[in-house]
Amino acid sequence: MFGYMTDISTVEARDTFTLTAQGEDMESLLFHFLDEWLYAFSVEPFFIPNEINILEFDEGAFRIACEGYGEPFDLKKHPQGTEVKAITYSAMKIVEHHKGWDLYVIVDI
């Protein structure tokens, strides 16, 4: 998602931003997780991470806690890409397989 917004290689891991998200099922958890990150970018300090580490993932309670490493978005440093307006449930898919998970999400731009 952040790759649409800017060139992630220009983002330095200078600050840390922690958030949690909760859902009623895996799809709503994924939606809320991405929506919380979009919100962190959309309001001050306009935080954009170049890396996100999962601190806690509770599949039974549909809860995730994570920490992002990055910095506030700055047009003098970060090229402006495409604005992501919203996360959508449209065609959202979560597929578990022997190597892990594949996630498919369409964002509204």
PDB file of N, CA and C in Angstrom:
ATOM      1  N   MET A   1       0.828  -1.185   0.000  1.00  0.00           N
ATOM      2  CA  MET A   1       0.000   0.000   0.000  1.00  0.00           C
ATOM      3  C   MET A   1       0.877   1.256   0.000  1.00  0.00           C
ATOM      4  N   PHE A   2       1.896   1.278   0.859  1.00  0.00           N
ATOM      5  CA  PHE A   2       2.743   2.469   0.934  1.00  0.00           C
ATOM      6  C   PHE A   2       3.584   2.642  -0.321  1.00  0.00           C
ATOM      7  N   GLY A   3       3.822   1.552  -1.038  1.00  0.00           N
ATOM      8  CA  GLY A   3       4.544   1.643  -2.303  1.00  0.00           C
ATOM      9  C   GLY A   3       3.781   2.428  -3.362  1.00  0.00           C
ATOM     10  N   TYR A   4       2.462   2.496  -3.240  1.00  0.00           N
ATOM     11  CA  TYR A   4       1.669   3.347  -4.129  1.00  0.00           C
ATOM     12  C   TYR A   4       1.871   4.821  -3.782  1.00  0.00           C
ATOM     13  N   MET A   5       2.074   5.096  -2.497  1.00  0.00           N
ATOM     14  CA  MET A   5       2.085   6.467  -1.995  1.00  0.00           C
ATOM     15  C   MET A   5       3.410   7.183  -2.213  1.00  0.00           C
ATOM     16  N   THR A   6       4.505   6.437  -2.174  1.00  0.00           N
ATOM     17  CA  THR A   6       5.826   7.029  -2.345  1.00  0.00           C
ATOM     18  C   THR A   6       6.830   5.934  -2.666  1.00  0.00           C
ATOM     19  N   ASP A   7       8.032   6.330  -2.964  1.00  0.00           N
ATOM     20  CA  ASP A   7       9.134   5.385  -3.152  1.00  0.00           C
ATOM     21  C   ASP A   7       9.642   5.006  -1.763  1.00  0.00           C
ATOM     22  N   ILE A   8       9.330   3.805  -1.327  1.00  0.00           N
ATOM     23  CA  ILE A   8       9.664   3.351   0.025  1.00  0.00           C
ATOM     24  C   ILE A   8      11.168   3.415   0.303  1.00  0.00           C
ATOM     25  N   SER A   9      11.985   3.304  -0.745  1.00  0.00           N
ATOM     26  CA  SER A   9      13.442   3.342  -0.527  1.00  0.00           C
ATOM     27  C   SER A   9      13.914   4.708  -0.021  1.00  0.00           C
ATOM     28  N   THR A  10      13.070   5.733  -0.118  1.00  0.00           N
ATOM     29  CA  THR A  10      13.439   7.063   0.384  1.00  0.00           C
ATOM     30  C   THR A  10      13.078   7.241   1.851  1.00  0.00           C
ATOM     31  N   VAL A  11      12.385   6.256   2.444  1.00  0.00           N
ATOM     32  CA  VAL A  11      11.931   6.347   3.835  1.00  0.00           C
ATOM     33  C   VAL A  11      12.989   5.741   4.754  1.00  0.00           C
ATOM     34  N   GLU A  12      13.425   6.530   5.723  1.00  0.00           N
ATOM     35  CA  GLU A  12      14.401   6.063   6.706  1.00  0.00           C
ATOM     36  C   GLU A  12      13.678   5.615   7.974  1.00  0.00           C
ATOM     37  N   ALA A  13      14.213   4.588   8.626  1.00  0.00           N
ATOM     38  CA  ALA A  13      13.643   4.079   9.873  1.00  0.00           C
ATOM     39  C   ALA A  13      14.149   4.916  11.043  1.00  0.00           C
ATOM     40  N   ARG A  14      13.655   6.156  11.131  1.00  0.00           N
ATOM     41  CA  ARG A  14      14.096   7.080  12.184  1.00  0.00           C
ATOM     42  C   ARG A  14      13.177   7.056  13.399  1.00  0.00           C
ATOM     43  N   ASP A  15      11.912   6.732  13.191  1.00  0.00           N
ATOM     44  CA  ASP A  15      10.918   6.746  14.266  1.00  0.00           C
ATOM     45  C   ASP A  15      10.180   5.414  14.310  1.00  0.00           C
ATOM     46  N   THR A  16       9.479   5.198  15.409  1.00  0.00           N
ATOM     47  CA  THR A  16       8.683   3.991  15.597  1.00  0.00           C
ATOM     48  C   THR A  16       7.232   4.389  15.843  1.00  0.00           C
ATOM     49  N   PHE A  17       6.319   3.645  15.231  1.00  0.00           N
ATOM     50  CA  PHE A  17       4.888   3.873  15.427  1.00  0.00           C
ATOM     51  C   PHE A  17       4.262   2.511  15.718  1.00  0.00           C
ATOM     52  N   THR A  18       3.548   2.405  16.833  1.00  0.00           N
ATOM     53  CA  THR A  18       2.941   1.140  17.249  1.00  0.00           C
ATOM     54  C   THR A  18       1.430   1.245  17.132  1.00  0.00           C
ATOM     55  N   LEU A  19       0.804   0.178  16.638  1.00  0.00           N
ATOM     56  CA  LEU A  19      -0.652   0.160  16.588  1.00  0.00           C
ATOM     57  C   LEU A  19      -1.175  -1.252  16.781  1.00  0.00           C
ATOM     58  N   THR A  20      -2.455  -1.311  17.120  1.00  0.00           N
ATOM     59  CA  THR A  20      -3.152  -2.594  17.243  1.00  0.00           C
ATOM     60  C   THR A  20      -4.422  -2.516  16.409  1.00  0.00           C
ATOM     61  N   ALA A  21      -4.880  -3.674  15.990  1.00  0.00           N
ATOM     62  CA  ALA A  21      -6.135  -3.761  15.241  1.00  0.00           C
ATOM     63  C   ALA A  21      -6.851  -5.029  15.670  1.00  0.00           C
ATOM     64  N   GLN A  22      -8.163  -4.988  15.603  1.00  0.00           N
ATOM     65  CA  GLN A  22      -8.969  -6.141  15.973  1.00  0.00           C
ATOM     66  C   GLN A  22     -10.123  -6.271  14.996  1.00  0.00           C
ATOM     67  N   GLY A  23     -10.539  -7.509  14.752  1.00  0.00           N
ATOM     68  CA  GLY A  23     -11.654  -7.768  13.856  1.00  0.00           C
ATOM     69  C   GLY A  23     -12.572  -8.833  14.394  1.00  0.00           C
ATOM     70  N   GLU A  24     -13.596  -9.152  13.623  1.00  0.00           N
ATOM     71  CA  GLU A  24     -14.543 -10.206  13.983  1.00  0.00           C
ATOM     72  C   GLU A  24     -14.186 -11.515  13.297  1.00  0.00           C
ATOM     73  N   ASP A  25     -13.375 -11.428  12.248  1.00  0.00           N
ATOM     74  CA  ASP A  25     -12.886 -12.581  11.495  1.00  0.00           C
ATOM     75  C   ASP A  25     -11.587 -12.156  10.819  1.00  0.00           C
ATOM     76  N   MET A  26     -10.954 -13.049  10.072  1.00  0.00           N
ATOM     77  CA  MET A  26      -9.658 -12.721   9.472  1.00  0.00           C
ATOM     78  C   MET A  26      -9.755 -11.591   8.445  1.00  0.00           C
ATOM     79  N   GLU A  27     -10.829 -11.562   7.651  1.00  0.00           N
ATOM     80  CA  GLU A  27     -10.974 -10.511   6.651  1.00  0.00           C
ATOM     81  C   GLU A  27     -11.132  -9.147   7.317  1.00  0.00           C
ATOM     82  N   SER A  28     -11.958  -9.065   8.347  1.00  0.00           N
ATOM     83  CA  SER A  28     -12.130  -7.771   9.016  1.00  0.00           C
ATOM     84  C   SER A  28     -10.862  -7.373   9.760  1.00  0.00           C
ATOM     85  N   LEU A  29     -10.111  -8.342  10.273  1.00  0.00           N
ATOM     86  CA  LEU A  29      -8.831  -8.027  10.909  1.00  0.00           C
ATOM     87  C   LEU A  29      -7.864  -7.430   9.889  1.00  0.00           C
ATOM     88  N   LEU A  30      -7.761  -8.041   8.720  1.00  0.00           N
ATOM     89  CA  LEU A  30      -6.900  -7.507   7.662  1.00  0.00           C
ATOM     90  C   LEU A  30      -7.345  -6.104   7.269  1.00  0.00           C
ATOM     91  N   PHE A  31      -8.649  -5.915   7.103  1.00  0.00           N
ATOM     92  CA  PHE A  31      -9.188  -4.597   6.757  1.00  0.00           C
ATOM     93  C   PHE A  31      -8.793  -3.560   7.802  1.00  0.00           C
ATOM     94  N   HIS A  32      -9.042  -3.858   9.088  1.00  0.00           N
ATOM     95  CA  HIS A  32      -8.757  -2.904  10.153  1.00  0.00           C
ATOM     96  C   HIS A  32      -7.258  -2.645  10.305  1.00  0.00           C
ATOM     97  N   PHE A  33      -6.441  -3.672  10.118  1.00  0.00           N
ATOM     98  CA  PHE A  33      -4.986  -3.526  10.168  1.00  0.00           C
ATOM     99  C   PHE A  33      -4.513  -2.519   9.116  1.00  0.00           C
ATOM    100  N   LEU A  34      -4.945  -2.713   7.867  1.00  0.00           N
ATOM    101  CA  LEU A  34      -4.549  -1.801   6.795  1.00  0.00           C
ATOM    102  C   LEU A  34      -5.155  -0.408   6.982  1.00  0.00           C
ATOM    103  N   ASP A  35      -6.393  -0.369   7.454  1.00  0.00           N
ATOM    104  CA  ASP A  35      -7.065   0.908   7.674  1.00  0.00           C
ATOM    105  C   ASP A  35      -6.374   1.725   8.768  1.00  0.00           C
ATOM    106  N   GLU A  36      -5.903   1.065   9.813  1.00  0.00           N
ATOM    107  CA  GLU A  36      -5.172   1.766  10.874  1.00  0.00           C
ATOM    108  C   GLU A  36      -3.870   2.358  10.337  1.00  0.00           C
ATOM    109  N   TRP A  37      -3.169   1.616   9.465  1.00  0.00           N
ATOM    110  CA  TRP A  37      -1.943   2.155   8.869  1.00  0.00           C
ATOM    111  C   TRP A  37      -2.248   3.313   7.923  1.00  0.00           C
ATOM    112  N   LEU A  38      -3.329   3.198   7.182  1.00  0.00           N
ATOM    113  CA  LEU A  38      -3.724   4.300   6.303  1.00  0.00           C
ATOM    114  C   LEU A  38      -4.061   5.548   7.125  1.00  0.00           C
ATOM    115  N   TYR A  39      -4.725   5.349   8.251  1.00  0.00           N
ATOM    116  CA  TYR A  39      -5.051   6.470   9.136  1.00  0.00           C
ATOM    117  C   TYR A  39      -3.773   7.114   9.687  1.00  0.00           C
ATOM    118  N   ALA A  40      -2.795   6.299  10.085  1.00  0.00           N
ATOM    119  CA  ALA A  40      -1.528   6.825  10.607  1.00  0.00           C
ATOM    120  C   ALA A  40      -0.833   7.699   9.570  1.00  0.00           C
ATOM    121  N   PHE A  41      -0.996   7.354   8.303  1.00  0.00           N
ATOM    122  CA  PHE A  41      -0.408   8.161   7.236  1.00  0.00           C
ATOM    123  C   PHE A  41      -1.225   9.423   6.969  1.00  0.00           C
ATOM    124  N   SER A  42      -2.532   9.342   7.169  1.00  0.00           N
ATOM    125  CA  SER A  42      -3.446  10.418   6.768  1.00  0.00           C
ATOM    126  C   SER A  42      -3.551  11.561   7.767  1.00  0.00           C
ATOM    127  N   VAL A  43      -3.143  11.353   9.014  1.00  0.00           N
ATOM    128  CA  VAL A  43      -3.213  12.401  10.040  1.00  0.00           C
ATOM    129  C   VAL A  43      -1.816  12.621  10.613  1.00  0.00           C
ATOM    130  N   GLU A  44      -1.638  13.762  11.270  1.00  0.00           N
ATOM    131  CA  GLU A  44      -0.321  14.040  11.851  1.00  0.00           C
ATOM    132  C   GLU A  44       0.073  12.907  12.773  1.00  0.00           C
ATOM    133  N   PRO A  45       1.300  12.448  12.692  1.00  0.00           N
ATOM    134  CA  PRO A  45       2.432  13.050  12.001  1.00  0.00           C
ATOM    135  C   PRO A  45       2.626  12.556  10.573  1.00  0.00           C
ATOM    136  N   PHE A  46       1.596  12.013   9.920  1.00  0.00           N
ATOM    137  CA  PHE A  46       1.690  11.525   8.533  1.00  0.00           C
ATOM    138  C   PHE A  46       2.799  10.476   8.406  1.00  0.00           C
ATOM    139  N   PHE A  47       2.755   9.520   9.334  1.00  0.00           N
ATOM    140  CA  PHE A  47       3.808   8.502   9.443  1.00  0.00           C
ATOM    141  C   PHE A  47       3.757   7.523   8.280  1.00  0.00           C
ATOM    142  N   ILE A  48       4.920   7.267   7.696  1.00  0.00           N
ATOM    143  CA  ILE A  48       5.029   6.266   6.629  1.00  0.00           C
ATOM    144  C   ILE A  48       6.163   5.301   6.997  1.00  0.00           C
ATOM    145  N   PRO A  49       5.842   4.020   7.123  1.00  0.00           N
ATOM    146  CA  PRO A  49       6.881   3.051   7.485  1.00  0.00           C
ATOM    147  C   PRO A  49       7.550   2.457   6.252  1.00  0.00           C
ATOM    148  N   ASN A  50       8.783   2.030   6.438  1.00  0.00           N
ATOM    149  CA  ASN A  50       9.438   1.238   5.394  1.00  0.00           C
ATOM    150  C   ASN A  50       9.542  -0.224   5.823  1.00  0.00           C
ATOM    151  N   GLU A  51       9.147  -0.484   7.065  1.00  0.00           N
ATOM    152  CA  GLU A  51       9.129  -1.852   7.589  1.00  0.00           C
ATOM    153  C   GLU A  51       8.099  -1.930   8.695  1.00  0.00           C
ATOM    154  N   ILE A  52       7.378  -3.040   8.754  1.00  0.00           N
ATOM    155  CA  ILE A  52       6.406  -3.279   9.822  1.00  0.00           C
ATOM    156  C   ILE A  52       6.692  -4.659  10.403  1.00  0.00           C
ATOM    157  N   ASN A  53       6.861  -4.717  11.723  1.00  0.00           N
ATOM    158  CA  ASN A  53       7.079  -5.988  12.404  1.00  0.00           C
ATOM    159  C   ASN A  53       5.849  -6.326  13.234  1.00  0.00           C
ATOM    160  N   ILE A  54       5.409  -7.568  13.126  1.00  0.00           N
ATOM    161  CA  ILE A  54       4.271  -8.044  13.913  1.00  0.00           C
ATOM    162  C   ILE A  54       4.774  -8.406  15.303  1.00  0.00           C
ATOM    163  N   LEU A  55       4.197  -7.793  16.328  1.00  0.00           N
ATOM    164  CA  LEU A  55       4.578  -8.068  17.708  1.00  0.00           C
ATOM    165  C   LEU A  55       3.705  -9.143  18.323  1.00  0.00           C
ATOM    166  N   GLU A  56       2.434  -9.153  17.922  1.00  0.00           N
ATOM    167  CA  GLU A  56       1.478 -10.137  18.443  1.00  0.00           C
ATOM    168  C   GLU A  56       0.454 -10.428  17.349  1.00  0.00           C
ATOM    169  N   PHE A  57       0.143 -11.709  17.177  1.00  0.00           N
ATOM    170  CA  PHE A  57      -0.884 -12.093  16.212  1.00  0.00           C
ATOM    171  C   PHE A  57      -1.708 -13.205  16.837  1.00  0.00           C
ATOM    172  N   ASP A  58      -2.926 -12.879  17.253  1.00  0.00           N
ATOM    173  CA  ASP A  58      -3.814 -13.824  17.904  1.00  0.00           C
ATOM    174  C   ASP A  58      -4.924 -14.199  16.921  1.00  0.00           C
ATOM    175  N   GLU A  59      -4.757 -15.353  16.272  1.00  0.00           N
ATOM    176  CA  GLU A  59      -5.734 -15.795  15.266  1.00  0.00           C
ATOM    177  C   GLU A  59      -7.096 -16.085  15.879  1.00  0.00           C
ATOM    178  N   GLY A  60      -7.124 -16.558  17.112  1.00  0.00           N
ATOM    179  CA  GLY A  60      -8.394 -16.885  17.766  1.00  0.00           C
ATOM    180  C   GLY A  60      -9.199 -15.660  18.153  1.00  0.00           C
ATOM    181  N   ALA A  61      -8.510 -14.622  18.616  1.00  0.00           N
ATOM    182  CA  ALA A  61      -9.177 -13.384  19.040  1.00  0.00           C
ATOM    183  C   ALA A  61      -9.217 -12.354  17.912  1.00  0.00           C
ATOM    184  N   PHE A  62      -8.631 -12.697  16.763  1.00  0.00           N
ATOM    185  CA  PHE A  62      -8.572 -11.780  15.609  1.00  0.00           C
ATOM    186  C   PHE A  62      -7.996 -10.425  16.025  1.00  0.00           C
ATOM    187  N   ARG A  63      -6.783 -10.492  16.591  1.00  0.00           N
ATOM    188  CA  ARG A  63      -6.113  -9.289  17.079  1.00  0.00           C
ATOM    189  C   ARG A  63      -4.668  -9.296  16.613  1.00  0.00           C
ATOM    190  N   ILE A  64      -4.178  -8.103  16.268  1.00  0.00           N
ATOM    191  CA  ILE A  64      -2.786  -7.962  15.838  1.00  0.00           C
ATOM    192  C   ILE A  64      -2.207  -6.689  16.458  1.00  0.00           C
ATOM    193  N   ALA A  65      -0.967  -6.793  16.894  1.00  0.00           N
ATOM    194  CA  ALA A  65      -0.216  -5.636  17.370  1.00  0.00           C
ATOM    195  C   ALA A  65       1.064  -5.580  16.547  1.00  0.00           C
ATOM    196  N   CYS A  66       1.447  -4.396  16.147  1.00  0.00           N
ATOM    197  CA  CYS A  66       2.631  -4.276  15.299  1.00  0.00           C
ATOM    198  C   CYS A  66       3.335  -2.956  15.542  1.00  0.00           C
ATOM    199  N   GLU A  67       4.542  -2.889  14.992  1.00  0.00           N
ATOM    200  CA  GLU A  67       5.381  -1.714  15.131  1.00  0.00           C
ATOM    201  C   GLU A  67       5.946  -1.382  13.763  1.00  0.00           C
ATOM    202  N   GLY A  68       5.802  -0.142  13.357  1.00  0.00           N
ATOM    203  CA  GLY A  68       6.338   0.296  12.082  1.00  0.00           C
ATOM    204  C   GLY A  68       7.546   1.196  12.293  1.00  0.00           C
ATOM    205  N   TYR A  69       8.505   1.072  11.385  1.00  0.00           N
ATOM    206  CA  TYR A  69       9.722   1.882  11.451  1.00  0.00           C
ATOM    207  C   TYR A  69       9.758   2.768  10.214  1.00  0.00           C
ATOM    208  N   GLY A  70       9.843   4.059  10.427  1.00  0.00           N
ATOM    209  CA  GLY A  70       9.829   4.992   9.305  1.00  0.00           C
ATOM    210  C   GLY A  70       9.986   6.410   9.786  1.00  0.00           C
ATOM    211  N   GLU A  71       9.237   7.311   9.162  1.00  0.00           N
ATOM    212  CA  GLU A  71       9.345   8.732   9.489  1.00  0.00           C
ATOM    213  C   GLU A  71       8.113   9.453   8.956  1.00  0.00           C
ATOM    214  N   PRO A  72       7.917  10.708   9.380  1.00  0.00           N
ATOM    215  CA  PRO A  72       6.809  11.485   8.817  1.00  0.00           C
ATOM    216  C   PRO A  72       7.039  11.738   7.326  1.00  0.00           C
ATOM    217  N   PHE A  73       5.962  11.674   6.569  1.00  0.00           N
ATOM    218  CA  PHE A  73       6.024  11.938   5.128  1.00  0.00           C
ATOM    219  C   PHE A  73       6.400  13.398   4.905  1.00  0.00           C
ATOM    220  N   ASP A  74       7.345  13.632   4.013  1.00  0.00           N
ATOM    221  CA  ASP A  74       7.837  14.987   3.721  1.00  0.00           C
ATOM    222  C   ASP A  74       8.012  15.113   2.210  1.00  0.00           C
ATOM    223  N   LEU A  75       7.258  15.999   1.585  1.00  0.00           N
ATOM    224  CA  LEU A  75       7.328  16.165   0.127  1.00  0.00           C
ATOM    225  C   LEU A  75       8.712  16.593  -0.355  1.00  0.00           C
ATOM    226  N   LYS A  76       9.508  17.202   0.509  1.00  0.00           N
ATOM    227  CA  LYS A  76      10.863  17.582   0.119  1.00  0.00           C
ATOM    228  C   LYS A  76      11.768  16.363  -0.017  1.00  0.00           C
ATOM    229  N   LYS A  77      11.404  15.286   0.643  1.00  0.00           N
ATOM    230  CA  LYS A  77      12.235  14.080   0.649  1.00  0.00           C
ATOM    231  C   LYS A  77      11.582  12.908  -0.083  1.00  0.00           C
ATOM    232  N   HIS A  78      10.283  12.756   0.081  1.00  0.00           N
ATOM    233  CA  HIS A  78       9.558  11.593  -0.445  1.00  0.00           C
ATOM    234  C   HIS A  78       8.737  11.987  -1.671  1.00  0.00           C
ATOM    235  N   PRO A  79       8.967  11.339  -2.806  1.00  0.00           N
ATOM    236  CA  PRO A  79       8.159  11.658  -3.986  1.00  0.00           C
ATOM    237  C   PRO A  79       6.695  11.276  -3.759  1.00  0.00           C
ATOM    238  N   GLN A  80       5.812  12.153  -4.205  1.00  0.00           N
ATOM    239  CA  GLN A  80       4.384  11.883  -4.038  1.00  0.00           C
ATOM    240  C   GLN A  80       3.925  10.900  -5.093  1.00  0.00           C
ATOM    241  N   GLY A  81       3.291   9.831  -4.633  1.00  0.00           N
ATOM    242  CA  GLY A  81       2.759   8.830  -5.541  1.00  0.00           C
ATOM    243  C   GLY A  81       1.250   8.954  -5.637  1.00  0.00           C
ATOM    244  N   THR A  82       0.585   7.834  -5.718  1.00  0.00           N
ATOM    245  CA  THR A  82      -0.874   7.788  -5.826  1.00  0.00           C
ATOM    246  C   THR A  82      -1.491   7.769  -4.437  1.00  0.00           C
ATOM    247  N   GLU A  83      -2.474   8.624  -4.223  1.00  0.00           N
ATOM    248  CA  GLU A  83      -3.158   8.659  -2.934  1.00  0.00           C
ATOM    249  C   GLU A  83      -4.046   7.423  -2.777  1.00  0.00           C
ATOM    250  N   VAL A  84      -3.901   6.727  -1.675  1.00  0.00           N
ATOM    251  CA  VAL A  84      -4.814   5.635  -1.329  1.00  0.00           C
ATOM    252  C   VAL A  84      -5.900   6.251  -0.460  1.00  0.00           C
ATOM    253  N   LYS A  85      -7.128   6.209  -0.949  1.00  0.00           N
ATOM    254  CA  LYS A  85      -8.239   6.840  -0.245  1.00  0.00           C
ATOM    255  C   LYS A  85      -8.853   5.925   0.801  1.00  0.00           C
ATOM    256  N   ALA A  86      -8.901   4.623   0.499  1.00  0.00           N
ATOM    257  CA  ALA A  86      -9.566   3.711   1.429  1.00  0.00           C
ATOM    258  C   ALA A  86      -9.166   2.264   1.150  1.00  0.00           C
ATOM    259  N   ILE A  87      -9.315   1.452   2.174  1.00  0.00           N
ATOM    260  CA  ILE A  87      -9.179   0.006   2.051  1.00  0.00           C
ATOM    261  C   ILE A  87     -10.574  -0.518   1.719  1.00  0.00           C
ATOM    262  N   THR A  88     -10.670  -1.566   0.908  1.00  0.00           N
ATOM    263  CA  THR A  88     -11.985  -2.119   0.566  1.00  0.00           C
ATOM    264  C   THR A  88     -12.044  -3.618   0.868  1.00  0.00           C
ATOM    265  N   TYR A  89     -13.249  -4.109   1.014  1.00  0.00           N
ATOM    266  CA  TYR A  89     -13.484  -5.554   1.136  1.00  0.00           C
ATOM    267  C   TYR A  89     -13.647  -6.196  -0.241  1.00  0.00           C
ATOM    268  N   SER A  90     -13.731  -5.390  -1.278  1.00  0.00           N
ATOM    269  CA  SER A  90     -13.985  -5.887  -2.624  1.00  0.00           C
ATOM    270  C   SER A  90     -12.912  -6.893  -3.049  1.00  0.00           C
ATOM    271  N   ALA A  91     -13.324  -8.109  -3.333  1.00  0.00           N
ATOM    272  CA  ALA A  91     -12.459  -9.200  -3.792  1.00  0.00           C
ATOM    273  C   ALA A  91     -11.346  -9.543  -2.800  1.00  0.00           C
ATOM    274  N   MET A  92     -11.487  -9.129  -1.530  1.00  0.00           N
ATOM    275  CA  MET A  92     -10.489  -9.471  -0.521  1.00  0.00           C
ATOM    276  C   MET A  92     -10.429 -10.984  -0.364  1.00  0.00           C
ATOM    277  N   LYS A  93      -9.213 -11.480  -0.309  1.00  0.00           N
ATOM    278  CA  LYS A  93      -9.042 -12.923  -0.178  1.00  0.00           C
ATOM    279  C   LYS A  93      -7.819 -13.203   0.688  1.00  0.00           C
ATOM    280  N   ILE A  94      -7.958 -14.164   1.603  1.00  0.00           N
ATOM    281  CA  ILE A  94      -6.859 -14.638   2.442  1.00  0.00           C
ATOM    282  C   ILE A  94      -6.732 -16.127   2.194  1.00  0.00           C
ATOM    283  N   VAL A  95      -5.573 -16.542   1.701  1.00  0.00           N
ATOM    284  CA  VAL A  95      -5.353 -17.945   1.338  1.00  0.00           C
ATOM    285  C   VAL A  95      -4.177 -18.481   2.142  1.00  0.00           C
ATOM    286  N   GLU A  96      -4.433 -19.531   2.922  1.00  0.00           N
ATOM    287  CA  GLU A  96      -3.366 -20.197   3.670  1.00  0.00           C
ATOM    288  C   GLU A  96      -2.869 -21.376   2.848  1.00  0.00           C
ATOM    289  N   HIS A  97      -1.544 -21.554   2.819  1.00  0.00           N
ATOM    290  CA  HIS A  97      -0.949 -22.690   2.118  1.00  0.00           C
ATOM    291  C   HIS A  97       0.283 -23.146   2.888  1.00  0.00           C
ATOM    292  N   HIS A  98       0.969 -24.148   2.373  1.00  0.00           N
ATOM    293  CA  HIS A  98       2.086 -24.756   3.106  1.00  0.00           C
ATOM    294  C   HIS A  98       3.249 -23.795   3.369  1.00  0.00           C
ATOM    295  N   LYS A  99       3.380 -22.742   2.608  1.00  0.00           N
ATOM    296  CA  LYS A  99       4.463 -21.772   2.797  1.00  0.00           C
ATOM    297  C   LYS A  99       4.041 -20.560   3.628  1.00  0.00           C
ATOM    298  N   GLY A 100       2.768 -20.443   3.953  1.00  0.00           N
ATOM    299  CA  GLY A 100       2.296 -19.291   4.732  1.00  0.00           C
ATOM    300  C   GLY A 100       0.946 -18.810   4.251  1.00  0.00           C
ATOM    301  N   TRP A 101       0.851 -17.508   3.980  1.00  0.00           N
ATOM    302  CA  TRP A 101      -0.406 -16.883   3.606  1.00  0.00           C
ATOM    303  C   TRP A 101      -0.210 -16.012   2.373  1.00  0.00           C
ATOM    304  N   ASP A 102      -1.237 -15.944   1.544  1.00  0.00           N
ATOM    305  CA  ASP A 102      -1.311 -14.971   0.456  1.00  0.00           C
ATOM    306  C   ASP A 102      -2.513 -14.075   0.745  1.00  0.00           C
ATOM    307  N   LEU A 103      -2.306 -12.771   0.624  1.00  0.00           N
ATOM    308  CA  LEU A 103      -3.365 -11.799   0.893  1.00  0.00           C
ATOM    309  C   LEU A 103      -3.641 -11.013  -0.386  1.00  0.00           C
ATOM    310  N   TYR A 104      -4.910 -10.860  -0.696  1.00  0.00           N
ATOM    311  CA  TYR A 104      -5.329 -10.087  -1.867  1.00  0.00           C
ATOM    312  C   TYR A 104      -6.267  -8.987  -1.390  1.00  0.00           C
ATOM    313  N   VAL A 105      -5.873  -7.740  -1.643  1.00  0.00           N
ATOM    314  CA  VAL A 105      -6.662  -6.586  -1.192  1.00  0.00           C
ATOM    315  C   VAL A 105      -6.689  -5.547  -2.310  1.00  0.00           C
ATOM    316  N   ILE A 106      -7.854  -4.994  -2.539  1.00  0.00           N
ATOM    317  CA  ILE A 106      -8.002  -3.893  -3.483  1.00  0.00           C
ATOM    318  C   ILE A 106      -8.164  -2.617  -2.675  1.00  0.00           C
ATOM    319  N   VAL A 107      -7.362  -1.605  -3.009  1.00  0.00           N
ATOM    320  CA  VAL A 107      -7.479  -0.313  -2.338  1.00  0.00           C
ATOM    321  C   VAL A 107      -8.142   0.679  -3.288  1.00  0.00           C
ATOM    322  N   ASP A 108      -8.850   1.631  -2.698  1.00  0.00           N
ATOM    323  CA  ASP A 108      -9.506   2.680  -3.478  1.00  0.00           C
ATOM    324  C   ASP A 108      -8.522   3.838  -3.639  1.00  0.00           C
ATOM    325  N   ILE A 109      -8.211   4.154  -4.908  1.00  0.00           N
ATOM    326  CA  ILE A 109      -7.273   5.255  -5.162  1.00  0.00           C
ATOM    327  C   ILE A 109      -7.947   6.420  -5.847  1.00  0.00           C
TER     328      ILE A 109
END
